[in-house]
Amino acid sequence: MANINNSPSKTRRAEVAGAGFAGLTAAIALRQNGWDVRLHERSGELRAFGAGIYLWHNGLRVLEALDSLNEVLQGTHTPPAYETWMHNKSVSKETFNGLPWRIMTRSHLHNALVARAKAVGVDIRVNSEAVAADPSGQLTLQTGEVIEADLIVGADGVSSKVRDSIGFKQERWGSKDGIIRLIVPRKKAELGYGEWDNTIDMWNHWPRVQRILYSPCNDEELYLGLMAPSDDPRGSRVPLDLEVWVEMFPFLEPCLVEAAKLQSARYDRYETTKLDSWTRGKVALVGDAAHAMCPALAQGAGCAMVNAFSLSQDVEAHGSVEDALVAWETRIRPITDRTQQISADYAANRSLSKGNMFTPEALEAARYDPIKGVYSWPQ
């Protein structure tokens, strides 16, 4: 960790909009480099949205740089293999040549990052929504307050007001499929015989398209991703239509019964967002505000955290913030663009159902080491 420099003559100020994974990462990394950082969260509390999350080597290295890795590793799980089933028969088991990866609940990761942000002195403001930004370095809050900053980070999600207020050109398209994400009790004993410590990607293409991504987070919690086409009223129904899921995946009935109880479940279509640029003047966009991607490669959060951390590296390496942001996007964006495209293609073609689809190209982002700026893991 870099030493925090509180010297008034050298301190620069960053305003970060959004306290998700990307915003927290940017805030912590900048603060560790000596910046005064204020983090704005529009909600009244700091909490993670969603259910479970995968982190690979790239995201884990970011956590190491933030001094949060050990805390995150506790209570999380690395499966022995990523197994793919087609019509309830195993077609592949991938181990990624020892590439580190981890599954956890989103709340576990978020809590660790919030704790770290507080520990390093990030000024966290809840009920504080950024509604506009100016490339000259001004952030406008919902209250009407206008704040001057040396750097503004828009990490305020797929519906980013920071992004839209400036007018970044964007393309956004949705997939034919969507997903219901849930955390339920593992019920491992009730499932009976099987390799239930693995990730198991269970696909059925007939008589209807349905998929369950079975992902153990720890000994007690299971992350379920239930995929169905958006035009399937029963597969996309929330709360869960228990009958239609048990019919296709009867061996998971103990877990599905728990899933059907969750009234807070929601169905989300896969979406991709691509911008003409991630930066304008002193404003940088990170995470879903810049590059929302389909979850096929489980790299949405990893790329967001890597890009947020890399931003902190580049603003230290260049004399002006404006030059740093241009250099940052030039350096780091191509990896995200390629990962986003493969994710979109995989989702559109349901490619993961074939098994053995985590090719070296698909794992490019996962293999990247953002601390060293190199690919530090063999293909």
Protein backbone atom coordinates (compact mmCIF):
# COMPACT_ATOMS: atom_id res chain seq x y z
CA MET A 1 0.00 0.00 0.00
CA ALA A 2 1.19 3.50 -0.83
CA ASN A 3 1.70 5.95 2.02
CA ILE A 4 -1.13 8.42 2.50
CA ASN A 5 0.27 11.91 2.08
CA ASN A 6 -1.75 14.57 3.86
CA SER A 7 0.52 17.46 2.96
CA PRO A 8 -1.76 20.37 1.93
CA SER A 9 0.63 21.46 -0.82
CA LYS A 10 0.39 18.12 -2.58
CA THR A 11 -3.12 16.95 -1.86
CA ARG A 12 -5.51 16.65 -4.79
CA ARG A 13 -9.26 16.08 -4.49
CA ALA A 14 -11.35 13.42 -6.18
CA GLU A 15 -15.13 13.22 -6.16
CA VAL A 16 -16.45 9.71 -6.84
CA ALA A 17 -20.10 9.13 -7.79
CA GLY A 18 -21.37 5.68 -6.85
CA ALA A 19 -20.35 3.32 -4.03
CA GLY A 20 -20.44 0.03 -5.92
CA PHE A 21 -17.38 -2.10 -6.56
CA ALA A 22 -15.87 0.29 -9.12
CA GLY A 23 -16.47 3.43 -7.08
CA LEU A 24 -15.13 1.91 -3.86
CA THR A 25 -12.05 0.60 -5.65
CA ALA A 26 -11.30 3.97 -7.21
CA ALA A 27 -11.86 5.77 -3.91
CA ILE A 28 -9.60 3.46 -1.90
CA ALA A 29 -6.82 3.40 -4.48
CA LEU A 30 -6.79 7.19 -4.88
CA ARG A 31 -6.85 7.69 -1.12
CA GLN A 32 -3.94 5.29 -0.69
CA ASN A 33 -2.03 7.49 -3.14
CA GLY A 34 -2.62 10.58 -1.02
CA TRP A 35 -5.73 12.08 -2.56
CA ASP A 36 -8.58 13.59 -0.58
CA VAL A 37 -11.52 11.48 -1.72
CA ARG A 38 -15.24 12.00 -1.23
CA LEU A 39 -17.52 9.13 -2.25
CA HIS A 40 -21.18 9.87 -3.03
CA GLU A 41 -23.88 7.20 -2.70
CA ARG A 42 -27.41 8.15 -3.66
CA SER A 43 -29.01 5.53 -1.36
CA GLY A 44 -29.43 6.00 2.34
CA GLU A 45 -27.13 3.09 3.15
CA LEU A 46 -24.10 1.33 1.74
CA ARG A 47 -25.11 -2.06 0.45
CA ALA A 48 -24.48 -4.39 -2.46
CA PHE A 49 -27.12 -5.04 -5.08
CA GLY A 50 -27.41 -8.52 -6.54
CA ALA A 51 -26.52 -11.96 -5.26
CA GLY A 52 -23.18 -13.64 -5.97
CA ILE A 53 -20.01 -12.76 -7.78
CA TYR A 54 -16.97 -14.37 -9.37
CA LEU A 55 -13.53 -12.80 -9.04
CA TRP A 56 -10.55 -14.03 -11.02
CA HIS A 57 -6.82 -13.39 -10.83
CA ASN A 58 -7.21 -9.80 -12.06
CA GLY A 59 -9.79 -8.84 -9.43
CA LEU A 60 -7.99 -10.68 -6.66
CA ARG A 61 -4.81 -8.77 -7.45
CA VAL A 62 -6.74 -5.51 -7.10
CA LEU A 63 -7.89 -6.63 -3.65
CA GLU A 64 -4.28 -7.40 -2.77
CA ALA A 65 -3.27 -3.87 -3.78
CA LEU A 66 -6.09 -2.47 -1.65
CA ASP A 67 -5.04 -4.54 1.38
CA SER A 68 -8.43 -6.28 1.35
CA LEU A 69 -7.56 -9.70 -0.04
CA ASN A 70 -7.19 -11.63 3.21
CA GLU A 71 -10.50 -10.36 4.52
CA VAL A 72 -12.29 -11.28 1.29
CA LEU A 73 -10.80 -14.78 1.10
CA GLN A 74 -12.39 -15.69 4.42
CA GLY A 75 -15.86 -17.07 3.88
CA THR A 76 -15.47 -17.55 0.12
CA HIS A 77 -14.87 -20.56 -2.12
CA THR A 78 -12.73 -21.75 -5.03
CA PRO A 79 -14.40 -24.77 -6.66
CA PRO A 80 -12.25 -27.74 -7.72
CA ALA A 81 -13.57 -27.31 -11.28
CA TYR A 82 -15.95 -25.41 -13.52
CA GLU A 83 -18.17 -28.17 -14.84
CA THR A 84 -20.60 -27.86 -17.76
CA TRP A 85 -23.65 -30.07 -18.15
CA MET A 86 -25.86 -30.43 -21.20
CA HIS A 87 -29.22 -32.09 -20.58
CA ASN A 88 -27.98 -33.23 -17.17
CA LYS A 89 -24.83 -34.93 -18.47
CA SER A 90 -21.33 -33.59 -17.86
CA VAL A 91 -19.58 -32.41 -21.05
CA SER A 92 -16.50 -30.69 -19.59
CA LYS A 93 -14.54 -29.87 -16.45
CA GLU A 94 -12.24 -26.86 -16.63
CA THR A 95 -9.59 -25.96 -14.07
CA PHE A 96 -8.01 -23.01 -15.92
CA ASN A 97 -4.44 -24.31 -15.46
CA GLY A 98 -4.46 -23.18 -11.85
CA LEU A 99 -5.57 -19.62 -12.57
CA PRO A 100 -6.87 -18.19 -9.26
CA TRP A 101 -10.61 -17.59 -9.04
CA ARG A 102 -13.09 -17.21 -6.23
CA ILE A 103 -16.87 -17.17 -5.66
CA MET A 104 -18.53 -15.09 -2.95
CA THR A 105 -21.67 -13.19 -2.12
CA ARG A 106 -21.74 -9.64 -3.39
CA SER A 107 -22.46 -8.39 0.13
CA HIS A 108 -19.28 -10.07 1.43
CA LEU A 109 -17.09 -8.30 -1.13
CA HIS A 110 -18.90 -5.00 -0.75
CA ASN A 111 -18.62 -5.03 3.04
CA ALA A 112 -14.87 -5.65 2.83
CA LEU A 113 -14.39 -2.72 0.44
CA VAL A 114 -16.52 -0.40 2.56
CA ALA A 115 -14.49 -1.34 5.63
CA ARG A 116 -11.26 -0.61 3.77
CA ALA A 117 -12.54 2.71 2.44
CA LYS A 118 -13.39 3.82 5.96
CA ALA A 119 -10.06 2.59 7.29
CA VAL A 120 -8.03 4.69 4.85
CA GLY A 121 -10.12 7.80 5.40
CA VAL A 122 -12.41 8.05 2.38
CA ASP A 123 -15.17 10.58 3.12
CA ILE A 124 -18.34 8.58 2.41
CA ARG A 125 -21.60 10.47 1.92
CA VAL A 126 -24.93 8.59 1.72
CA ASN A 127 -28.11 10.24 0.44
CA SER A 128 -25.78 12.14 -1.86
CA GLU A 129 -26.62 11.76 -5.54
CA ALA A 130 -24.49 13.16 -8.34
CA VAL A 131 -26.76 14.41 -11.12
CA ALA A 132 -24.30 16.10 -13.47
CA ALA A 133 -20.62 16.68 -14.12
CA ASP A 134 -18.59 19.10 -16.18
CA PRO A 135 -15.29 18.13 -17.84
CA SER A 136 -13.68 21.19 -16.25
CA GLY A 137 -13.93 19.42 -12.88
CA GLN A 138 -17.31 20.29 -11.42
CA LEU A 139 -19.74 17.82 -9.88
CA THR A 140 -23.36 18.82 -9.27
CA LEU A 141 -25.37 17.10 -6.56
CA GLN A 142 -29.13 16.68 -6.38
CA THR A 143 -29.22 19.35 -3.70
CA GLY A 144 -27.89 21.85 -6.23
CA GLU A 145 -24.45 22.02 -4.61
CA VAL A 146 -21.61 22.30 -7.13
CA ILE A 147 -18.25 20.86 -6.05
CA GLU A 148 -14.87 21.61 -7.59
CA ALA A 149 -12.48 18.68 -7.99
CA ASP A 150 -9.20 17.74 -9.64
CA LEU A 151 -10.79 14.45 -10.75
CA ILE A 152 -14.37 13.23 -11.06
CA VAL A 153 -15.05 9.50 -11.28
CA GLY A 154 -18.43 8.44 -12.61
CA ALA A 155 -19.11 5.01 -11.14
CA ASP A 156 -22.86 5.45 -10.91
CA GLY A 157 -23.97 2.43 -12.89
CA VAL A 158 -25.63 1.59 -16.16
CA SER A 159 -28.01 4.58 -15.88
CA SER A 160 -25.17 6.97 -15.02
CA LYS A 161 -26.22 10.60 -14.65
CA VAL A 162 -22.59 11.68 -14.69
CA ARG A 163 -22.18 10.07 -18.12
CA ASP A 164 -25.46 11.25 -19.57
CA SER A 165 -25.06 14.84 -18.36
CA ILE A 166 -21.89 15.19 -20.42
CA GLY A 167 -23.30 13.51 -23.51
CA PHE A 168 -20.99 10.59 -24.15
CA LYS A 169 -22.09 8.76 -27.29
CA GLN A 170 -23.19 5.23 -26.50
CA GLU A 171 -24.50 2.03 -27.99
CA ARG A 172 -26.66 -0.21 -25.84
CA TRP A 173 -28.16 -3.51 -26.81
CA GLY A 174 -29.90 -6.31 -24.99
CA SER A 175 -29.70 -10.06 -25.34
CA LYS A 176 -32.58 -12.46 -25.90
CA ASP A 177 -31.83 -14.02 -22.51
CA GLY A 178 -31.88 -12.82 -18.93
CA ILE A 179 -31.16 -14.14 -15.48
CA ILE A 180 -32.57 -14.41 -11.97
CA ARG A 181 -29.77 -14.20 -9.40
CA LEU A 182 -30.30 -15.53 -5.89
CA ILE A 183 -28.45 -16.52 -2.72
CA VAL A 184 -29.96 -19.59 -1.02
CA PRO A 185 -28.82 -22.14 1.59
CA ARG A 186 -26.51 -24.74 0.04
CA LYS A 187 -28.51 -27.80 1.16
CA LYS A 188 -25.49 -29.91 0.22
CA ALA A 189 -26.53 -32.90 2.36
CA GLU A 190 -30.01 -32.91 0.83
CA LEU A 191 -28.63 -32.92 -2.71
CA GLY A 192 -27.11 -36.35 -2.19
CA TYR A 193 -24.30 -37.89 -4.20
CA GLY A 194 -22.42 -35.57 -6.57
CA GLU A 195 -19.55 -33.11 -6.94
CA TRP A 196 -21.48 -30.29 -5.35
CA ASP A 197 -18.36 -28.26 -4.48
CA ASN A 198 -17.84 -27.57 -8.20
CA THR A 199 -19.34 -24.75 -10.13
CA ILE A 200 -21.84 -26.55 -12.34
CA ASP A 201 -23.18 -24.78 -15.42
CA MET A 202 -26.36 -26.73 -16.20
CA TRP A 203 -27.90 -26.23 -19.65
CA ASN A 204 -31.04 -27.50 -21.31
CA HIS A 205 -31.99 -26.55 -24.87
CA TRP A 206 -35.05 -28.79 -25.08
CA PRO A 207 -38.01 -28.83 -24.50
CA ARG A 208 -37.30 -25.25 -23.43
CA VAL A 209 -34.14 -23.19 -22.99
CA GLN A 210 -33.23 -23.03 -19.33
CA ARG A 211 -29.91 -22.81 -17.54
CA ILE A 212 -28.83 -22.85 -13.91
CA LEU A 213 -25.37 -21.68 -12.91
CA TYR A 214 -24.78 -23.46 -9.59
CA SER A 215 -22.04 -21.61 -7.67
CA PRO A 216 -21.12 -22.44 -4.05
CA CYS A 217 -19.96 -19.32 -2.18
CA ASN A 218 -18.96 -21.04 1.08
CA ASP A 219 -20.15 -23.89 3.30
CA GLU A 220 -23.53 -22.27 3.93
CA GLU A 221 -24.43 -20.11 0.92
CA LEU A 222 -25.14 -20.96 -2.70
CA TYR A 223 -25.32 -18.51 -5.58
CA LEU A 224 -27.86 -19.56 -8.21
CA GLY A 225 -28.13 -17.90 -11.60
CA LEU A 226 -31.31 -19.03 -13.39
CA MET A 227 -31.28 -18.12 -17.09
CA ALA A 228 -34.27 -18.14 -19.42
CA PRO A 229 -35.25 -16.24 -22.58
CA SER A 230 -37.02 -12.96 -21.97
CA ASP A 231 -39.98 -14.17 -24.06
CA ASP A 232 -40.51 -17.18 -21.77
CA PRO A 233 -43.15 -15.98 -19.29
CA ARG A 234 -42.68 -18.90 -16.91
CA GLY A 235 -38.88 -19.05 -16.97
CA SER A 236 -38.55 -15.29 -16.46
CA ARG A 237 -41.25 -15.06 -13.78
CA VAL A 238 -40.37 -13.69 -10.35
CA PRO A 239 -40.85 -14.79 -7.69
CA LEU A 240 -39.69 -18.09 -9.14
CA ASP A 241 -42.11 -20.44 -10.89
CA LEU A 242 -40.97 -23.45 -8.89
CA GLU A 243 -42.69 -26.07 -11.00
CA VAL A 244 -41.03 -25.12 -14.27
CA TRP A 245 -37.54 -25.13 -12.73
CA VAL A 246 -37.92 -28.36 -10.75
CA GLU A 247 -39.25 -30.07 -13.87
CA MET A 248 -35.96 -29.35 -15.69
CA PHE A 249 -33.59 -29.64 -12.71
CA PRO A 250 -35.22 -32.10 -10.28
CA PHE A 251 -31.94 -32.87 -8.47
CA LEU A 252 -31.79 -29.23 -7.29
CA GLU A 253 -35.26 -29.22 -5.77
CA PRO A 254 -34.06 -28.58 -2.17
CA CYS A 255 -32.30 -25.40 -3.32
CA LEU A 256 -35.05 -24.34 -5.71
CA VAL A 257 -37.68 -24.59 -2.99
CA GLU A 258 -35.64 -22.04 -1.03
CA ALA A 259 -35.23 -19.88 -4.13
CA ALA A 260 -38.98 -19.79 -4.75
CA LYS A 261 -39.51 -18.25 -1.29
CA LEU A 262 -37.56 -15.09 -2.16
CA GLN A 263 -40.00 -12.31 -2.90
CA SER A 264 -37.19 -9.89 -3.70
CA ALA A 265 -36.03 -11.84 -6.77
CA ARG A 266 -35.82 -9.98 -10.06
CA TYR A 267 -35.24 -10.93 -13.67
CA ASP A 268 -32.60 -8.92 -15.58
CA ARG A 269 -31.98 -9.09 -19.31
CA TYR A 270 -28.36 -9.26 -20.39
CA GLU A 271 -27.21 -5.84 -21.60
CA THR A 272 -24.11 -4.38 -23.20
CA THR A 273 -23.12 -0.70 -23.18
CA LYS A 274 -20.29 0.67 -25.30
CA LEU A 275 -19.16 4.32 -25.30
CA ASP A 276 -17.19 6.38 -27.77
CA SER A 277 -14.91 7.38 -24.89
CA TRP A 278 -14.55 6.79 -21.17
CA THR A 279 -13.09 10.22 -20.43
CA ARG A 280 -13.79 13.88 -20.98
CA GLY A 281 -11.47 16.49 -19.47
CA LYS A 282 -11.22 15.70 -15.75
CA VAL A 283 -14.06 13.15 -15.79
CA ALA A 284 -13.51 9.38 -16.02
CA LEU A 285 -16.20 6.69 -16.20
CA VAL A 286 -15.68 3.25 -14.68
CA GLY A 287 -17.74 0.10 -14.26
CA ASP A 288 -21.21 -0.26 -15.76
CA ALA A 289 -21.34 3.45 -16.48
CA ALA A 290 -18.64 2.85 -19.08
CA HIS A 291 -18.81 -0.78 -20.16
CA ALA A 292 -21.73 -2.84 -18.89
CA MET A 293 -21.32 -6.35 -20.24
CA CYS A 294 -23.12 -9.68 -20.41
CA PRO A 295 -22.13 -12.00 -17.56
CA ALA A 296 -20.95 -14.89 -19.74
CA LEU A 297 -17.29 -14.57 -18.69
CA ALA A 298 -18.04 -13.36 -15.14
CA GLN A 299 -15.81 -10.33 -15.74
CA GLY A 300 -18.12 -7.37 -15.19
CA ALA A 301 -16.94 -6.66 -11.66
CA GLY A 302 -13.37 -7.77 -12.33
CA CYS A 303 -12.93 -5.39 -15.25
CA ALA A 304 -14.61 -2.60 -13.31
CA MET A 305 -12.25 -3.02 -10.36
CA VAL A 306 -9.17 -3.37 -12.56
CA ASN A 307 -10.04 -0.24 -14.53
CA ALA A 308 -10.76 1.76 -11.37
CA PHE A 309 -7.47 0.69 -9.81
CA SER A 310 -5.56 1.35 -13.04
CA LEU A 311 -7.00 4.86 -13.11
CA SER A 312 -5.29 5.56 -9.80
CA GLN A 313 -2.00 4.34 -11.27
CA ASP A 314 -2.16 6.59 -14.31
CA VAL A 315 -3.08 9.79 -12.50
CA GLU A 316 0.10 9.28 -10.47
CA ALA A 317 2.22 8.68 -13.56
CA HIS A 318 1.28 11.81 -15.52
CA GLY A 319 1.58 15.52 -14.84
CA SER A 320 -1.97 16.54 -15.64
CA VAL A 321 -5.21 14.70 -14.90
CA GLU A 322 -6.44 15.28 -18.44
CA ASP A 323 -3.32 13.64 -19.93
CA ALA A 324 -3.52 10.84 -17.39
CA LEU A 325 -7.10 9.97 -18.28
CA VAL A 326 -6.33 9.79 -21.99
CA ALA A 327 -3.31 7.57 -21.30
CA TRP A 328 -5.37 5.39 -18.94
CA GLU A 329 -8.10 4.71 -21.47
CA THR A 330 -5.57 4.05 -24.23
CA ARG A 331 -3.71 1.59 -22.01
CA ILE A 332 -6.49 -0.35 -20.33
CA ARG A 333 -9.57 -0.14 -22.54
CA PRO A 334 -8.59 -2.68 -25.25
CA ILE A 335 -8.68 -5.55 -22.75
CA THR A 336 -12.17 -4.58 -21.62
CA ASP A 337 -13.42 -4.09 -25.18
CA ARG A 338 -12.28 -7.55 -26.22
CA THR A 339 -13.73 -9.15 -23.09
CA GLN A 340 -17.01 -7.30 -23.54
CA GLN A 341 -17.28 -8.49 -27.15
CA ILE A 342 -16.60 -12.14 -26.32
CA SER A 343 -19.11 -11.95 -23.48
CA ALA A 344 -21.75 -10.54 -25.82
CA ASP A 345 -21.02 -13.18 -28.47
CA TYR A 346 -21.13 -16.01 -25.94
CA ALA A 347 -24.44 -14.76 -24.58
CA ALA A 348 -25.99 -14.31 -28.02
CA ASN A 349 -24.96 -17.79 -29.15
CA ARG A 350 -25.30 -19.56 -25.77
CA SER A 351 -21.75 -20.74 -26.40
CA LEU A 352 -20.95 -21.79 -22.85
CA SER A 353 -23.32 -24.73 -23.23
CA LYS A 354 -20.69 -26.44 -25.41
CA GLY A 355 -18.21 -26.71 -22.53
CA ASN A 356 -14.47 -25.96 -22.63
CA MET A 357 -15.18 -22.39 -23.73
CA PHE A 358 -12.78 -20.62 -21.35
CA THR A 359 -10.14 -20.31 -24.04
CA PRO A 360 -6.99 -18.17 -23.64
CA GLU A 361 -8.83 -15.38 -25.46
CA ALA A 362 -11.83 -15.66 -23.17
CA LEU A 363 -9.55 -15.58 -20.12
CA GLU A 364 -7.51 -12.58 -21.28
CA ALA A 365 -8.92 -10.19 -18.69
CA ALA A 366 -8.82 -12.85 -15.97
CA ARG A 367 -5.10 -13.42 -16.52
CA TYR A 368 -4.14 -9.74 -16.37
CA ASP A 369 -2.15 -8.52 -13.37
CA PRO A 370 -3.10 -4.84 -12.86
CA ILE A 371 -0.38 -4.27 -10.25
CA LYS A 372 2.40 -5.11 -12.71
CA GLY A 373 0.52 -4.29 -15.89
CA VAL A 374 1.35 -7.68 -17.44
CA TYR A 375 -0.23 -11.08 -18.05
CA SER A 376 1.29 -12.95 -15.15
CA TRP A 377 -0.49 -16.28 -15.54
CA PRO A 378 0.20 -18.87 -18.24
CA GLN A 379 -2.39 -19.53 -20.90
